Amino acid sequence: LGPIIFMVGYFFSSNSLAWAGLILFGLTALFALVTLPVELNATSRAKS
């Protein structure tokens, strides 16, 4: 939904809507960053 909201806001010159889409999609990037220590820690546990 984030990219859709962003594109609608961007093409219709609604900065507030575009920012909302960007922030919403930004959660995906945050999720990917949080996933890194989770996966690396699981790998470390497995190896040990």
All heavy atoms as atom14 arrays in JSON, in Angstrom:
{
  "sequence": "LGPIIFMVGYFFSSNSLAWAGLILFGLTALFALVTLPVELNATSRAKS",
  "atom14_mask": [
    [1, 1, 1, 1, 1, 1, 1, 1, 0, 0, 0, 0, 0, 0],
    [1, 1, 1, 1, 0, 0, 0, 0, 0, 0, 0, 0, 0, 0],
    [1, 1, 1, 1, 1, 1, 1, 0, 0, 0, 0, 0, 0, 0],
    [1, 1, 1, 1, 1, 1, 1, 1, 0, 0, 0, 0, 0, 0],
    [1, 1, 1, 1, 1, 1, 1, 1, 0, 0, 0, 0, 0, 0],
    [1, 1, 1, 1, 1, 1, 1, 1, 1, 1, 1, 0, 0, 0],
    [1, 1, 1, 1, 1, 1, 1, 1, 0, 0, 0, 0, 0, 0],
    [1, 1, 1, 1, 1, 1, 1, 0, 0, 0, 0, 0, 0, 0],
    [1, 1, 1, 1, 0, 0, 0, 0, 0, 0, 0, 0, 0, 0],
    [1, 1, 1, 1, 1, 1, 1, 1, 1, 1, 1, 1, 0, 0],
    [1, 1, 1, 1, 1, 1, 1, 1, 1, 1, 1, 0, 0, 0],
    [1, 1, 1, 1, 1, 1, 1, 1, 1, 1, 1, 0, 0, 0],
    [1, 1, 1, 1, 1, 1, 0, 0, 0, 0, 0, 0, 0, 0],
    [1, 1, 1, 1, 1, 1, 0, 0, 0, 0, 0, 0, 0, 0],
    [1, 1, 1, 1, 1, 1, 1, 1, 0, 0, 0, 0, 0, 0],
    [1, 1, 1, 1, 1, 1, 0, 0, 0, 0, 0, 0, 0, 0],
    [1, 1, 1, 1, 1, 1, 1, 1, 0, 0, 0, 0, 0, 0],
    [1, 1, 1, 1, 1, 0, 0, 0, 0, 0, 0, 0, 0, 0],
    [1, 1, 1, 1, 1, 1, 1, 1, 1, 1, 1, 1, 1, 1],
    [1, 1, 1, 1, 1, 0, 0, 0, 0, 0, 0, 0, 0, 0],
    [1, 1, 1, 1, 0, 0, 0, 0, 0, 0, 0, 0, 0, 0],
    [1, 1, 1, 1, 1, 1, 1, 1, 0, 0, 0, 0, 0, 0],
    [1, 1, 1, 1, 1, 1, 1, 1, 0, 0, 0, 0, 0, 0],
    [1, 1, 1, 1, 1, 1, 1, 1, 0, 0, 0, 0, 0, 0],
    [1, 1, 1, 1, 1, 1, 1, 1, 1, 1, 1, 0, 0, 0],
    [1, 1, 1, 1, 0, 0, 0, 0, 0, 0, 0, 0, 0, 0],
    [1, 1, 1, 1, 1, 1, 1, 1, 0, 0, 0, 0, 0, 0],
    [1, 1, 1, 1, 1, 1, 1, 0, 0, 0, 0, 0, 0, 0],
    [1, 1, 1, 1, 1, 0, 0, 0, 0, 0, 0, 0, 0, 0],
    [1, 1, 1, 1, 1, 1, 1, 1, 0, 0, 0, 0, 0, 0],
    [1, 1, 1, 1, 1, 1, 1, 1, 1, 1, 1, 0, 0, 0],
    [1, 1, 1, 1, 1, 0, 0, 0, 0, 0, 0, 0, 0, 0],
    [1, 1, 1, 1, 1, 1, 1, 1, 0, 0, 0, 0, 0, 0],
    [1, 1, 1, 1, 1, 1, 1, 0, 0, 0, 0, 0, 0, 0],
    [1, 1, 1, 1, 1, 1, 1, 0, 0, 0, 0, 0, 0, 0],
    [1, 1, 1, 1, 1, 1, 1, 1, 0, 0, 0, 0, 0, 0],
    [1, 1, 1, 1, 1, 1, 1, 0, 0, 0, 0, 0, 0, 0],
    [1, 1, 1, 1, 1, 1, 1, 0, 0, 0, 0, 0, 0, 0],
    [1, 1, 1, 1, 1, 1, 1, 1, 1, 0, 0, 0, 0, 0],
    [1, 1, 1, 1, 1, 1, 1, 1, 0, 0, 0, 0, 0, 0],
    [1, 1, 1, 1, 1, 1, 1, 1, 0, 0, 0, 0, 0, 0],
    [1, 1, 1, 1, 1, 0, 0, 0, 0, 0, 0, 0, 0, 0],
    [1, 1, 1, 1, 1, 1, 1, 0, 0, 0, 0, 0, 0, 0],
    [1, 1, 1, 1, 1, 1, 0, 0, 0, 0, 0, 0, 0, 0],
    [1, 1, 1, 1, 1, 1, 1, 1, 1, 1, 1, 0, 0, 0],
    [1, 1, 1, 1, 1, 0, 0, 0, 0, 0, 0, 0, 0, 0],
    [1, 1, 1, 1, 1, 1, 1, 1, 1, 0, 0, 0, 0, 0],
    [1, 1, 1, 1, 1, 1, 0, 0, 0, 0, 0, 0, 0, 0]
  ],
  "atom14_positions": [
    [[0.81, -1.21, 0.0], [0.0, 0.0, 0.0], [0.85, 1.26, 0.0], [0.47, 2.28, -0.61], [-0.94, 0.0, 1.22], [-2.0, 1.1, 1.27], [-2.9, 1.03, 0.04], [-2.83, 0.96, 2.55], [0.0, 0.0, 0.0], [0.0, 0.0, 0.0], [0.0, 0.0, 0.0], [0.0, 0.0, 0.0], [0.0, 0.0, 0.0], [0.0, 0.0, 0.0]],
    [[2.01, 1.21, 0.64], [2.88, 2.38, 0.71], [3.26, 2.93, -0.65], [3.09, 4.13, -0.92], [0.0, 0.0, 0.0], [0.0, 0.0, 0.0], [0.0, 0.0, 0.0], [0.0, 0.0, 0.0], [0.0, 0.0, 0.0], [0.0, 0.0, 0.0], [0.0, 0.0, 0.0], [0.0, 0.0, 0.0], [0.0, 0.0, 0.0], [0.0, 0.0, 0.0]],
    [[3.78, 2.1, -1.57], [4.14, 2.6, -2.91], [2.94, 3.16, -3.67], [3.09, 4.14, -4.41], [4.71, 1.36, -3.61], [5.21, 0.5, -2.5], [4.24, 0.71, -1.38], [0.0, 0.0, 0.0], [0.0, 0.0, 0.0], [0.0, 0.0, 0.0], [0.0, 0.0, 0.0], [0.0, 0.0, 0.0], [0.0, 0.0, 0.0], [0.0, 0.0, 0.0]],
    [[1.77, 2.55, -3.49], [0.57, 3.05, -4.19], [0.22, 4.45, -3.7], [-0.03, 5.37, -4.49], [-0.62, 2.09, -3.97], [-0.33, 0.74, -4.64], [-1.91, 2.7, -4.53], [-1.39, -0.3, -4.36], [0.0, 0.0, 0.0], [0.0, 0.0, 0.0], [0.0, 0.0, 0.0], [0.0, 0.0, 0.0], [0.0, 0.0, 0.0], [0.0, 0.0, 0.0]],
    [[0.21, 4.61, -2.38], [-0.11, 5.92, -1.79], [0.92, 6.95, -2.22], [0.59, 8.09, -2.56], [-0.18, 5.83, -0.26], [-1.38, 4.96, 0.16], [-0.29, 7.22, 0.36], [-1.47, 4.74, 1.65], [0.0, 0.0, 0.0], [0.0, 0.0, 0.0], [0.0, 0.0, 0.0], [0.0, 0.0, 0.0], [0.0, 0.0, 0.0], [0.0, 0.0, 0.0]],
    [[2.2, 6.54, -2.22], [3.25, 7.47, -2.61], [3.05, 7.93, -4.06], [3.11, 9.13, -4.34], [4.62, 6.82, -2.47], [5.74, 7.69, -2.98], [6.3, 8.66, -2.17], [6.22, 7.55, -4.28], [7.32, 9.48, -2.64], [7.23, 8.35, -4.76], [7.78, 9.32, -3.94], [0.0, 0.0, 0.0], [0.0, 0.0, 0.0], [0.0, 0.0, 0.0]],
    [[2.84, 7.0, -4.97], [2.7, 7.35, -6.38], [1.47, 8.22, -6.64], [1.53, 9.16, -7.43], [2.64, 6.07, -7.24], [3.95, 5.33, -7.3], [5.3, 6.38, -7.95], [6.7, 5.26, -7.77], [0.0, 0.0, 0.0], [0.0, 0.0, 0.0], [0.0, 0.0, 0.0], [0.0, 0.0, 0.0], [0.0, 0.0, 0.0], [0.0, 0.0, 0.0]],
    [[0.37, 7.92, -5.95], [-0.83, 8.75, -6.1], [-0.55, 10.17, -5.63], [-0.87, 11.16, -6.31], [-2.01, 8.15, -5.31], [-3.18, 9.13, -5.28], [-2.46, 6.84, -5.94], [0.0, 0.0, 0.0], [0.0, 0.0, 0.0], [0.0, 0.0, 0.0], [0.0, 0.0, 0.0], [0.0, 0.0, 0.0], [0.0, 0.0, 0.0], [0.0, 0.0, 0.0]],
    [[0.1, 10.27, -4.47], [0.43, 11.59, -3.94], [1.43, 12.33, -4.8], [1.31, 13.55, -5.01], [0.0, 0.0, 0.0], [0.0, 0.0, 0.0], [0.0, 0.0, 0.0], [0.0, 0.0, 0.0], [0.0, 0.0, 0.0], [0.0, 0.0, 0.0], [0.0, 0.0, 0.0], [0.0, 0.0, 0.0], [0.0, 0.0, 0.0], [0.0, 0.0, 0.0]],
    [[2.4, 11.6, -5.35], [3.44, 12.23, -6.16], [2.87, 12.76, -7.47], [3.11, 13.91, -7.85], [4.56, 11.23, -6.42], [5.71, 11.81, -7.22], [6.66, 12.62, -6.61], [5.83, 11.54, -8.58], [7.72, 13.15, -7.33], [6.89, 12.07, -9.32], [7.82, 12.87, -8.69], [8.86, 13.4, -9.41], [0.0, 0.0, 0.0], [0.0, 0.0, 0.0]],
    [[2.11, 11.94, -8.17], [1.6, 12.33, -9.49], [0.47, 13.35, -9.41], [0.23, 14.09, -10.36], [1.16, 11.1, -10.28], [2.31, 10.29, -10.81], [2.58, 9.02, -10.33], [3.16, 10.83, -11.77], [3.65, 8.29, -10.81], [4.25, 10.09, -12.26], [4.48, 8.82, -11.77], [0.0, 0.0, 0.0], [0.0, 0.0, 0.0], [0.0, 0.0, 0.0]],
    [[-0.21, 13.41, -8.26], [-1.26, 14.41, -8.08], [-0.79, 15.59, -7.23], [-1.6, 16.36, -6.71], [-2.51, 13.77, -7.47], [-3.27, 12.9, -8.43], [-3.02, 11.54, -8.5], [-4.19, 13.44, -9.32], [-3.7, 10.73, -9.39], [-4.88, 12.64, -10.22], [-4.63, 11.28, -10.26], [0.0, 0.0, 0.0], [0.0, 0.0, 0.0], [0.0, 0.0, 0.0]],
    [[0.54, 15.69, -7.07], [1.17, 16.82, -6.38], [0.65, 17.02, -4.96], [0.51, 18.15, -4.49], [0.96, 18.11, -7.19], [1.55, 17.98, -8.48], [0.0, 0.0, 0.0], [0.0, 0.0, 0.0], [0.0, 0.0, 0.0], [0.0, 0.0, 0.0], [0.0, 0.0, 0.0], [0.0, 0.0, 0.0], [0.0, 0.0, 0.0], [0.0, 0.0, 0.0]],
    [[0.37, 15.92, -4.28], [-0.03, 15.98, -2.88], [1.14, 15.5, -2.03], [1.31, 14.3, -1.81], [-1.27, 15.11, -2.63], [-1.57, 15.08, -1.25], [0.0, 0.0, 0.0], [0.0, 0.0, 0.0], [0.0, 0.0, 0.0], [0.0, 0.0, 0.0], [0.0, 0.0, 0.0], [0.0, 0.0, 0.0], [0.0, 0.0, 0.0], [0.0, 0.0, 0.0]],
    [[1.94, 16.45, -1.58], [3.14, 16.08, -0.82], [2.81, 15.33, 0.46], [3.53, 14.41, 0.86], [3.97, 17.32, -0.5], [4.74, 17.82, -1.71], [4.93, 17.09, -2.67], [5.19, 19.07, -1.66], [0.0, 0.0, 0.0], [0.0, 0.0, 0.0], [0.0, 0.0, 0.0], [0.0, 0.0, 0.0], [0.0, 0.0, 0.0], [0.0, 0.0, 0.0]],
    [[1.74, 15.75, 1.13], [1.38, 15.09, 2.39], [1.03, 13.62, 2.15], [1.41, 12.74, 2.94], [0.2, 15.81, 3.04], [-0.93, 15.84, 2.18], [0.0, 0.0, 0.0], [0.0, 0.0, 0.0], [0.0, 0.0, 0.0], [0.0, 0.0, 0.0], [0.0, 0.0, 0.0], [0.0, 0.0, 0.0], [0.0, 0.0, 0.0], [0.0, 0.0, 0.0]],
    [[0.32, 13.34, 1.06], [-0.03, 11.96, 0.74], [1.21, 11.17, 0.33], [1.38, 10.0, 0.72], [-1.07, 11.94, -0.39], [-1.76, 10.59, -0.66], [-2.52, 10.13, 0.56], [-2.71, 10.73, -1.85], [0.0, 0.0, 0.0], [0.0, 0.0, 0.0], [0.0, 0.0, 0.0], [0.0, 0.0, 0.0], [0.0, 0.0, 0.0], [0.0, 0.0, 0.0]],
    [[2.09, 11.81, -0.43], [3.33, 11.15, -0.84], [4.2, 10.81, 0.37], [4.78, 9.71, 0.45], [4.09, 12.02, -1.82], [0.0, 0.0, 0.0], [0.0, 0.0, 0.0], [0.0, 0.0, 0.0], [0.0, 0.0, 0.0], [0.0, 0.0, 0.0], [0.0, 0.0, 0.0], [0.0, 0.0, 0.0], [0.0, 0.0, 0.0], [0.0, 0.0, 0.0]],
    [[4.3, 11.75, 1.3], [5.08, 11.49, 2.52], [4.47, 10.36, 3.34], [5.19, 9.55, 3.93], [5.18, 12.76, 3.36], [6.29, 13.68, 2.93], [6.17, 14.87, 2.27], [7.69, 13.48, 3.12], [7.4, 15.42, 2.02], [8.35, 14.6, 2.54], [8.45, 12.49, 3.71], [9.74, 14.72, 2.55], [9.84, 12.61, 3.72], [10.46, 13.71, 3.15]],
    [[3.15, 10.32, 3.37], [2.48, 9.24, 4.11], [2.83, 7.89, 3.49], [3.1, 6.91, 4.21], [0.97, 9.45, 4.09], [0.0, 0.0, 0.0], [0.0, 0.0, 0.0], [0.0, 0.0, 0.0], [0.0, 0.0, 0.0], [0.0, 0.0, 0.0], [0.0, 0.0, 0.0], [0.0, 0.0, 0.0], [0.0, 0.0, 0.0], [0.0, 0.0, 0.0]],
    [[2.82, 7.82, 2.16], [3.2, 6.58, 1.48], [4.64, 6.21, 1.73], [4.97, 5.04, 1.92], [0.0, 0.0, 0.0], [0.0, 0.0, 0.0], [0.0, 0.0, 0.0], [0.0, 0.0, 0.0], [0.0, 0.0, 0.0], [0.0, 0.0, 0.0], [0.0, 0.0, 0.0], [0.0, 0.0, 0.0], [0.0, 0.0, 0.0], [0.0, 0.0, 0.0]],
    [[5.51, 7.23, 1.72], [6.92, 6.99, 1.96], [7.15, 6.43, 3.37], [7.9, 5.47, 3.56], [7.71, 8.28, 1.78], [9.21, 8.23, 2.13], [9.92, 7.19, 1.27], [9.85, 9.6, 1.94], [0.0, 0.0, 0.0], [0.0, 0.0, 0.0], [0.0, 0.0, 0.0], [0.0, 0.0, 0.0], [0.0, 0.0, 0.0], [0.0, 0.0, 0.0]],
    [[6.5, 7.03, 4.35], [6.65, 6.57, 5.73], [6.1, 5.16, 5.88], [6.7, 4.31, 6.56], [5.93, 7.55, 6.69], [6.66, 8.9, 6.69], [5.88, 6.97, 8.1], [5.92, 9.99, 7.44], [0.0, 0.0, 0.0], [0.0, 0.0, 0.0], [0.0, 0.0, 0.0], [0.0, 0.0, 0.0], [0.0, 0.0, 0.0], [0.0, 0.0, 0.0]],
    [[4.96, 4.9, 5.24], [4.35, 3.58, 5.33], [5.27, 2.52, 4.71], [5.48, 1.44, 5.29], [2.99, 3.58, 4.62], [2.08, 2.38, 4.85], [1.8, 2.18, 6.33], [0.77, 2.56, 4.09], [0.0, 0.0, 0.0], [0.0, 0.0, 0.0], [0.0, 0.0, 0.0], [0.0, 0.0, 0.0], [0.0, 0.0, 0.0], [0.0, 0.0, 0.0]],
    [[5.82, 2.84, 3.54], [6.74, 1.88, 2.92], [8.05, 1.81, 3.69], [8.72, 0.78, 3.68], [7.03, 2.27, 1.46], [7.94, 1.29, 0.77], [7.45, 0.07, 0.33], [9.29, 1.58, 0.59], [8.3, -0.84, -0.3], [10.13, 0.67, -0.04], [9.63, -0.54, -0.48], [0.0, 0.0, 0.0], [0.0, 0.0, 0.0], [0.0, 0.0, 0.0]],
    [[8.41, 2.91, 4.36], [9.64, 2.91, 5.15], [9.65, 1.85, 6.23], [10.71, 1.39, 6.66], [0.0, 0.0, 0.0], [0.0, 0.0, 0.0], [0.0, 0.0, 0.0], [0.0, 0.0, 0.0], [0.0, 0.0, 0.0], [0.0, 0.0, 0.0], [0.0, 0.0, 0.0], [0.0, 0.0, 0.0], [0.0, 0.0, 0.0], [0.0, 0.0, 0.0]],
    [[8.44, 1.44, 6.67], [8.35, 0.37, 7.65], [8.93, -0.93, 7.09], [9.46, -1.76, 7.83], [6.88, 0.15, 8.06], [6.23, 1.29, 8.85], [4.76, 0.99, 9.08], [6.94, 1.48, 10.19], [0.0, 0.0, 0.0], [0.0, 0.0, 0.0], [0.0, 0.0, 0.0], [0.0, 0.0, 0.0], [0.0, 0.0, 0.0], [0.0, 0.0, 0.0]],
    [[8.82, -1.1, 5.77], [9.38, -2.29, 5.13], [10.9, -2.3, 5.26], [11.52, -3.34, 5.53], [8.99, -2.33, 3.65], [7.56, -2.31, 3.54], [9.51, -3.59, 2.98], [0.0, 0.0, 0.0], [0.0, 0.0, 0.0], [0.0, 0.0, 0.0], [0.0, 0.0, 0.0], [0.0, 0.0, 0.0], [0.0, 0.0, 0.0], [0.0, 0.0, 0.0]],
    [[11.51, -1.13, 5.05], [12.95, -1.03, 5.19], [13.38, -1.25, 6.64], [14.38, -1.92, 6.91], [13.42, 0.34, 4.7], [0.0, 0.0, 0.0], [0.0, 0.0, 0.0], [0.0, 0.0, 0.0], [0.0, 0.0, 0.0], [0.0, 0.0, 0.0], [0.0, 0.0, 0.0], [0.0, 0.0, 0.0], [0.0, 0.0, 0.0], [0.0, 0.0, 0.0]],
    [[12.59, -0.69, 7.57], [12.89, -0.89, 8.99], [12.78, -2.37, 9.35], [13.61, -2.9, 10.1], [11.93, -0.06, 9.85], [12.1, -0.18, 11.37], [13.5, 0.24, 11.79], [11.05, 0.65, 12.09], [0.0, 0.0, 0.0], [0.0, 0.0, 0.0], [0.0, 0.0, 0.0], [0.0, 0.0, 0.0], [0.0, 0.0, 0.0], [0.0, 0.0, 0.0]],
    [[11.77, -3.03, 8.82], [11.57, -4.45, 9.06], [12.76, -5.25, 8.55], [13.24, -6.18, 9.21], [10.29, -4.92, 8.37], [9.97, -6.38, 8.59], [9.34, -6.79, 9.75], [10.28, -7.32, 7.63], [9.04, -8.14, 9.96], [9.99, -8.66, 7.82], [9.36, -9.07, 8.99], [0.0, 0.0, 0.0], [0.0, 0.0, 0.0], [0.0, 0.0, 0.0]],
    [[13.25, -4.88, 7.36], [14.41, -5.58, 6.79], [15.65, -5.37, 7.65], [16.46, -6.29, 7.81], [14.66, -5.09, 5.37], [0.0, 0.0, 0.0], [0.0, 0.0, 0.0], [0.0, 0.0, 0.0], [0.0, 0.0, 0.0], [0.0, 0.0, 0.0], [0.0, 0.0, 0.0], [0.0, 0.0, 0.0], [0.0, 0.0, 0.0], [0.0, 0.0, 0.0]],
    [[15.79, -4.18, 8.2], [16.94, -3.9, 9.07], [16.84, -4.68, 10.37], [17.84, -5.21, 10.87], [17.03, -2.4, 9.35], [17.52, -1.52, 8.21], [17.41, -0.04, 8.58], [18.96, -1.87, 7.84], [0.0, 0.0, 0.0], [0.0, 0.0, 0.0], [0.0, 0.0, 0.0], [0.0, 0.0, 0.0], [0.0, 0.0, 0.0], [0.0, 0.0, 0.0]],
    [[15.64, -4.74, 10.94], [15.44, -5.5, 12.18], [15.65, -6.99, 11.95], [16.11, -7.71, 12.84], [14.02, -5.23, 12.75], [13.75, -6.13, 13.95], [13.88, -3.77, 13.15], [0.0, 0.0, 0.0], [0.0, 0.0, 0.0], [0.0, 0.0, 0.0], [0.0, 0.0, 0.0], [0.0, 0.0, 0.0], [0.0, 0.0, 0.0], [0.0, 0.0, 0.0]],
    [[15.31, -7.44, 10.74], [15.48, -8.85, 10.4], [16.94, -9.28, 10.43], [17.26, -10.43, 10.78], [14.88, -9.13, 9.01], [13.46, -8.95, 9.07], [15.18, -10.56, 8.55], [0.0, 0.0, 0.0], [0.0, 0.0, 0.0], [0.0, 0.0, 0.0], [0.0, 0.0, 0.0], [0.0, 0.0, 0.0], [0.0, 0.0, 0.0], [0.0, 0.0, 0.0]],
    [[17.85, -8.36, 10.09], [19.28, -8.7, 10.03], [19.81, -9.28, 11.35], [20.36, -10.38, 11.36], [20.1, -7.48, 9.62], [20.13, -7.17, 8.12], [20.94, -5.91, 7.87], [20.71, -8.34, 7.35], [0.0, 0.0, 0.0], [0.0, 0.0, 0.0], [0.0, 0.0, 0.0], [0.0, 0.0, 0.0], [0.0, 0.0, 0.0], [0.0, 0.0, 0.0]],
    [[19.68, -8.57, 12.48], [20.2, -9.16, 13.72], [19.47, -10.44, 14.12], [20.07, -11.33, 14.72], [19.99, -8.06, 14.76], [18.94, -7.17, 14.19], [19.15, -7.21, 12.71], [0.0, 0.0, 0.0], [0.0, 0.0, 0.0], [0.0, 0.0, 0.0], [0.0, 0.0, 0.0], [0.0, 0.0, 0.0], [0.0, 0.0, 0.0], [0.0, 0.0, 0.0]],
    [[18.18, -10.54, 13.78], [17.42, -11.75, 14.1], [18.02, -12.95, 13.36], [18.28, -14.01, 13.95], [15.93, -11.59, 13.74], [15.18, -12.92, 13.93], [15.29, -10.51, 14.59], [0.0, 0.0, 0.0], [0.0, 0.0, 0.0], [0.0, 0.0, 0.0], [0.0, 0.0, 0.0], [0.0, 0.0, 0.0], [0.0, 0.0, 0.0], [0.0, 0.0, 0.0]],
    [[18.25, -12.78, 12.06], [18.76, -13.89, 11.25], [20.23, -14.19, 11.57], [20.62, -15.36, 11.65], [18.61, -13.56, 9.76], [17.18, -13.41, 9.3], [16.36, -14.68, 9.49], [16.96, -15.78, 9.49], [15.13, -14.58, 9.61], [0.0, 0.0, 0.0], [0.0, 0.0, 0.0], [0.0, 0.0, 0.0], [0.0, 0.0, 0.0], [0.0, 0.0, 0.0]],
    [[21.02, -13.15, 11.77], [22.44, -13.37, 12.08], [22.6, -14.04, 13.44], [23.47, -14.89, 13.62], [23.19, -12.04, 12.05], [23.31, -11.37, 10.68], [24.02, -10.03, 10.8], [24.04, -12.27, 9.69], [0.0, 0.0, 0.0], [0.0, 0.0, 0.0], [0.0, 0.0, 0.0], [0.0, 0.0, 0.0], [0.0, 0.0, 0.0], [0.0, 0.0, 0.0]],
    [[21.74, -13.68, 14.37], [21.8, -14.3, 15.7], [21.38, -15.77, 15.62], [21.98, -16.63, 16.28], [20.9, -13.54, 16.67], [20.89, -14.15, 18.06], [20.01, -14.93, 18.4], [21.88, -13.79, 18.87], [0.0, 0.0, 0.0], [0.0, 0.0, 0.0], [0.0, 0.0, 0.0], [0.0, 0.0, 0.0], [0.0, 0.0, 0.0], [0.0, 0.0, 0.0]],
    [[20.35, -16.06, 14.83], [19.92, -17.46, 14.66], [21.03, -18.28, 14.02], [21.25, -19.44, 14.39], [18.64, -17.52, 13.82], [0.0, 0.0, 0.0], [0.0, 0.0, 0.0], [0.0, 0.0, 0.0], [0.0, 0.0, 0.0], [0.0, 0.0, 0.0], [0.0, 0.0, 0.0], [0.0, 0.0, 0.0], [0.0, 0.0, 0.0], [0.0, 0.0, 0.0]],
    [[21.72, -17.69, 13.06], [22.84, -18.37, 12.42], [23.97, -18.62, 13.41], [24.57, -19.71, 13.43], [23.37, -17.53, 11.23], [22.4, -17.55, 10.18], [24.68, -18.08, 10.7], [0.0, 0.0, 0.0], [0.0, 0.0, 0.0], [0.0, 0.0, 0.0], [0.0, 0.0, 0.0], [0.0, 0.0, 0.0], [0.0, 0.0, 0.0], [0.0, 0.0, 0.0]],
    [[24.26, -17.63, 14.23], [25.3, -17.77, 15.24], [24.96, -18.88, 16.23], [25.82, -19.69, 16.61], [25.5, -16.45, 15.98], [26.46, -16.58, 17.01], [0.0, 0.0, 0.0], [0.0, 0.0, 0.0], [0.0, 0.0, 0.0], [0.0, 0.0, 0.0], [0.0, 0.0, 0.0], [0.0, 0.0, 0.0], [0.0, 0.0, 0.0], [0.0, 0.0, 0.0]],
    [[23.7, -18.94, 16.64], [23.25, -19.98, 17.57], [23.4, -21.36, 16.91], [23.81, -22.33, 17.56], [21.81, -19.74, 17.97], [21.58, -18.53, 18.87], [20.09, -18.26, 19.04], [19.82, -17.03, 19.77], [19.59, -16.95, 21.07], [19.6, -18.06, 21.8], [19.34, -15.79, 21.64], [0.0, 0.0, 0.0], [0.0, 0.0, 0.0], [0.0, 0.0, 0.0]],
    [[23.01, -21.44, 15.64], [23.09, -22.72, 14.92], [24.53, -23.21, 14.83], [24.83, -24.38, 15.11], [22.49, -22.57, 13.54], [0.0, 0.0, 0.0], [0.0, 0.0, 0.0], [0.0, 0.0, 0.0], [0.0, 0.0, 0.0], [0.0, 0.0, 0.0], [0.0, 0.0, 0.0], [0.0, 0.0, 0.0], [0.0, 0.0, 0.0], [0.0, 0.0, 0.0]],
    [[25.43, -22.32, 14.44], [26.84, -22.7, 14.29], [27.42, -23.15, 15.64], [28.14, -24.15, 15.72], [27.65, -21.53, 13.75], [27.38, -21.18, 12.3], [28.24, -20.0, 11.88], [28.03, -19.61, 10.43], [28.88, -18.46, 10.04], [0.0, 0.0, 0.0], [0.0, 0.0, 0.0], [0.0, 0.0, 0.0], [0.0, 0.0, 0.0], [0.0, 0.0, 0.0]],
    [[27.12, -22.38, 16.68], [27.66, -22.69, 18.0], [27.18, -24.06, 18.49], [27.97, -24.87, 18.99], [27.24, -21.59, 18.99], [27.68, -21.9, 20.3], [0.0, 0.0, 0.0], [0.0, 0.0, 0.0], [0.0, 0.0, 0.0], [0.0, 0.0, 0.0], [0.0, 0.0, 0.0], [0.0, 0.0, 0.0], [0.0, 0.0, 0.0], [0.0, 0.0, 0.0]]
  ]
}
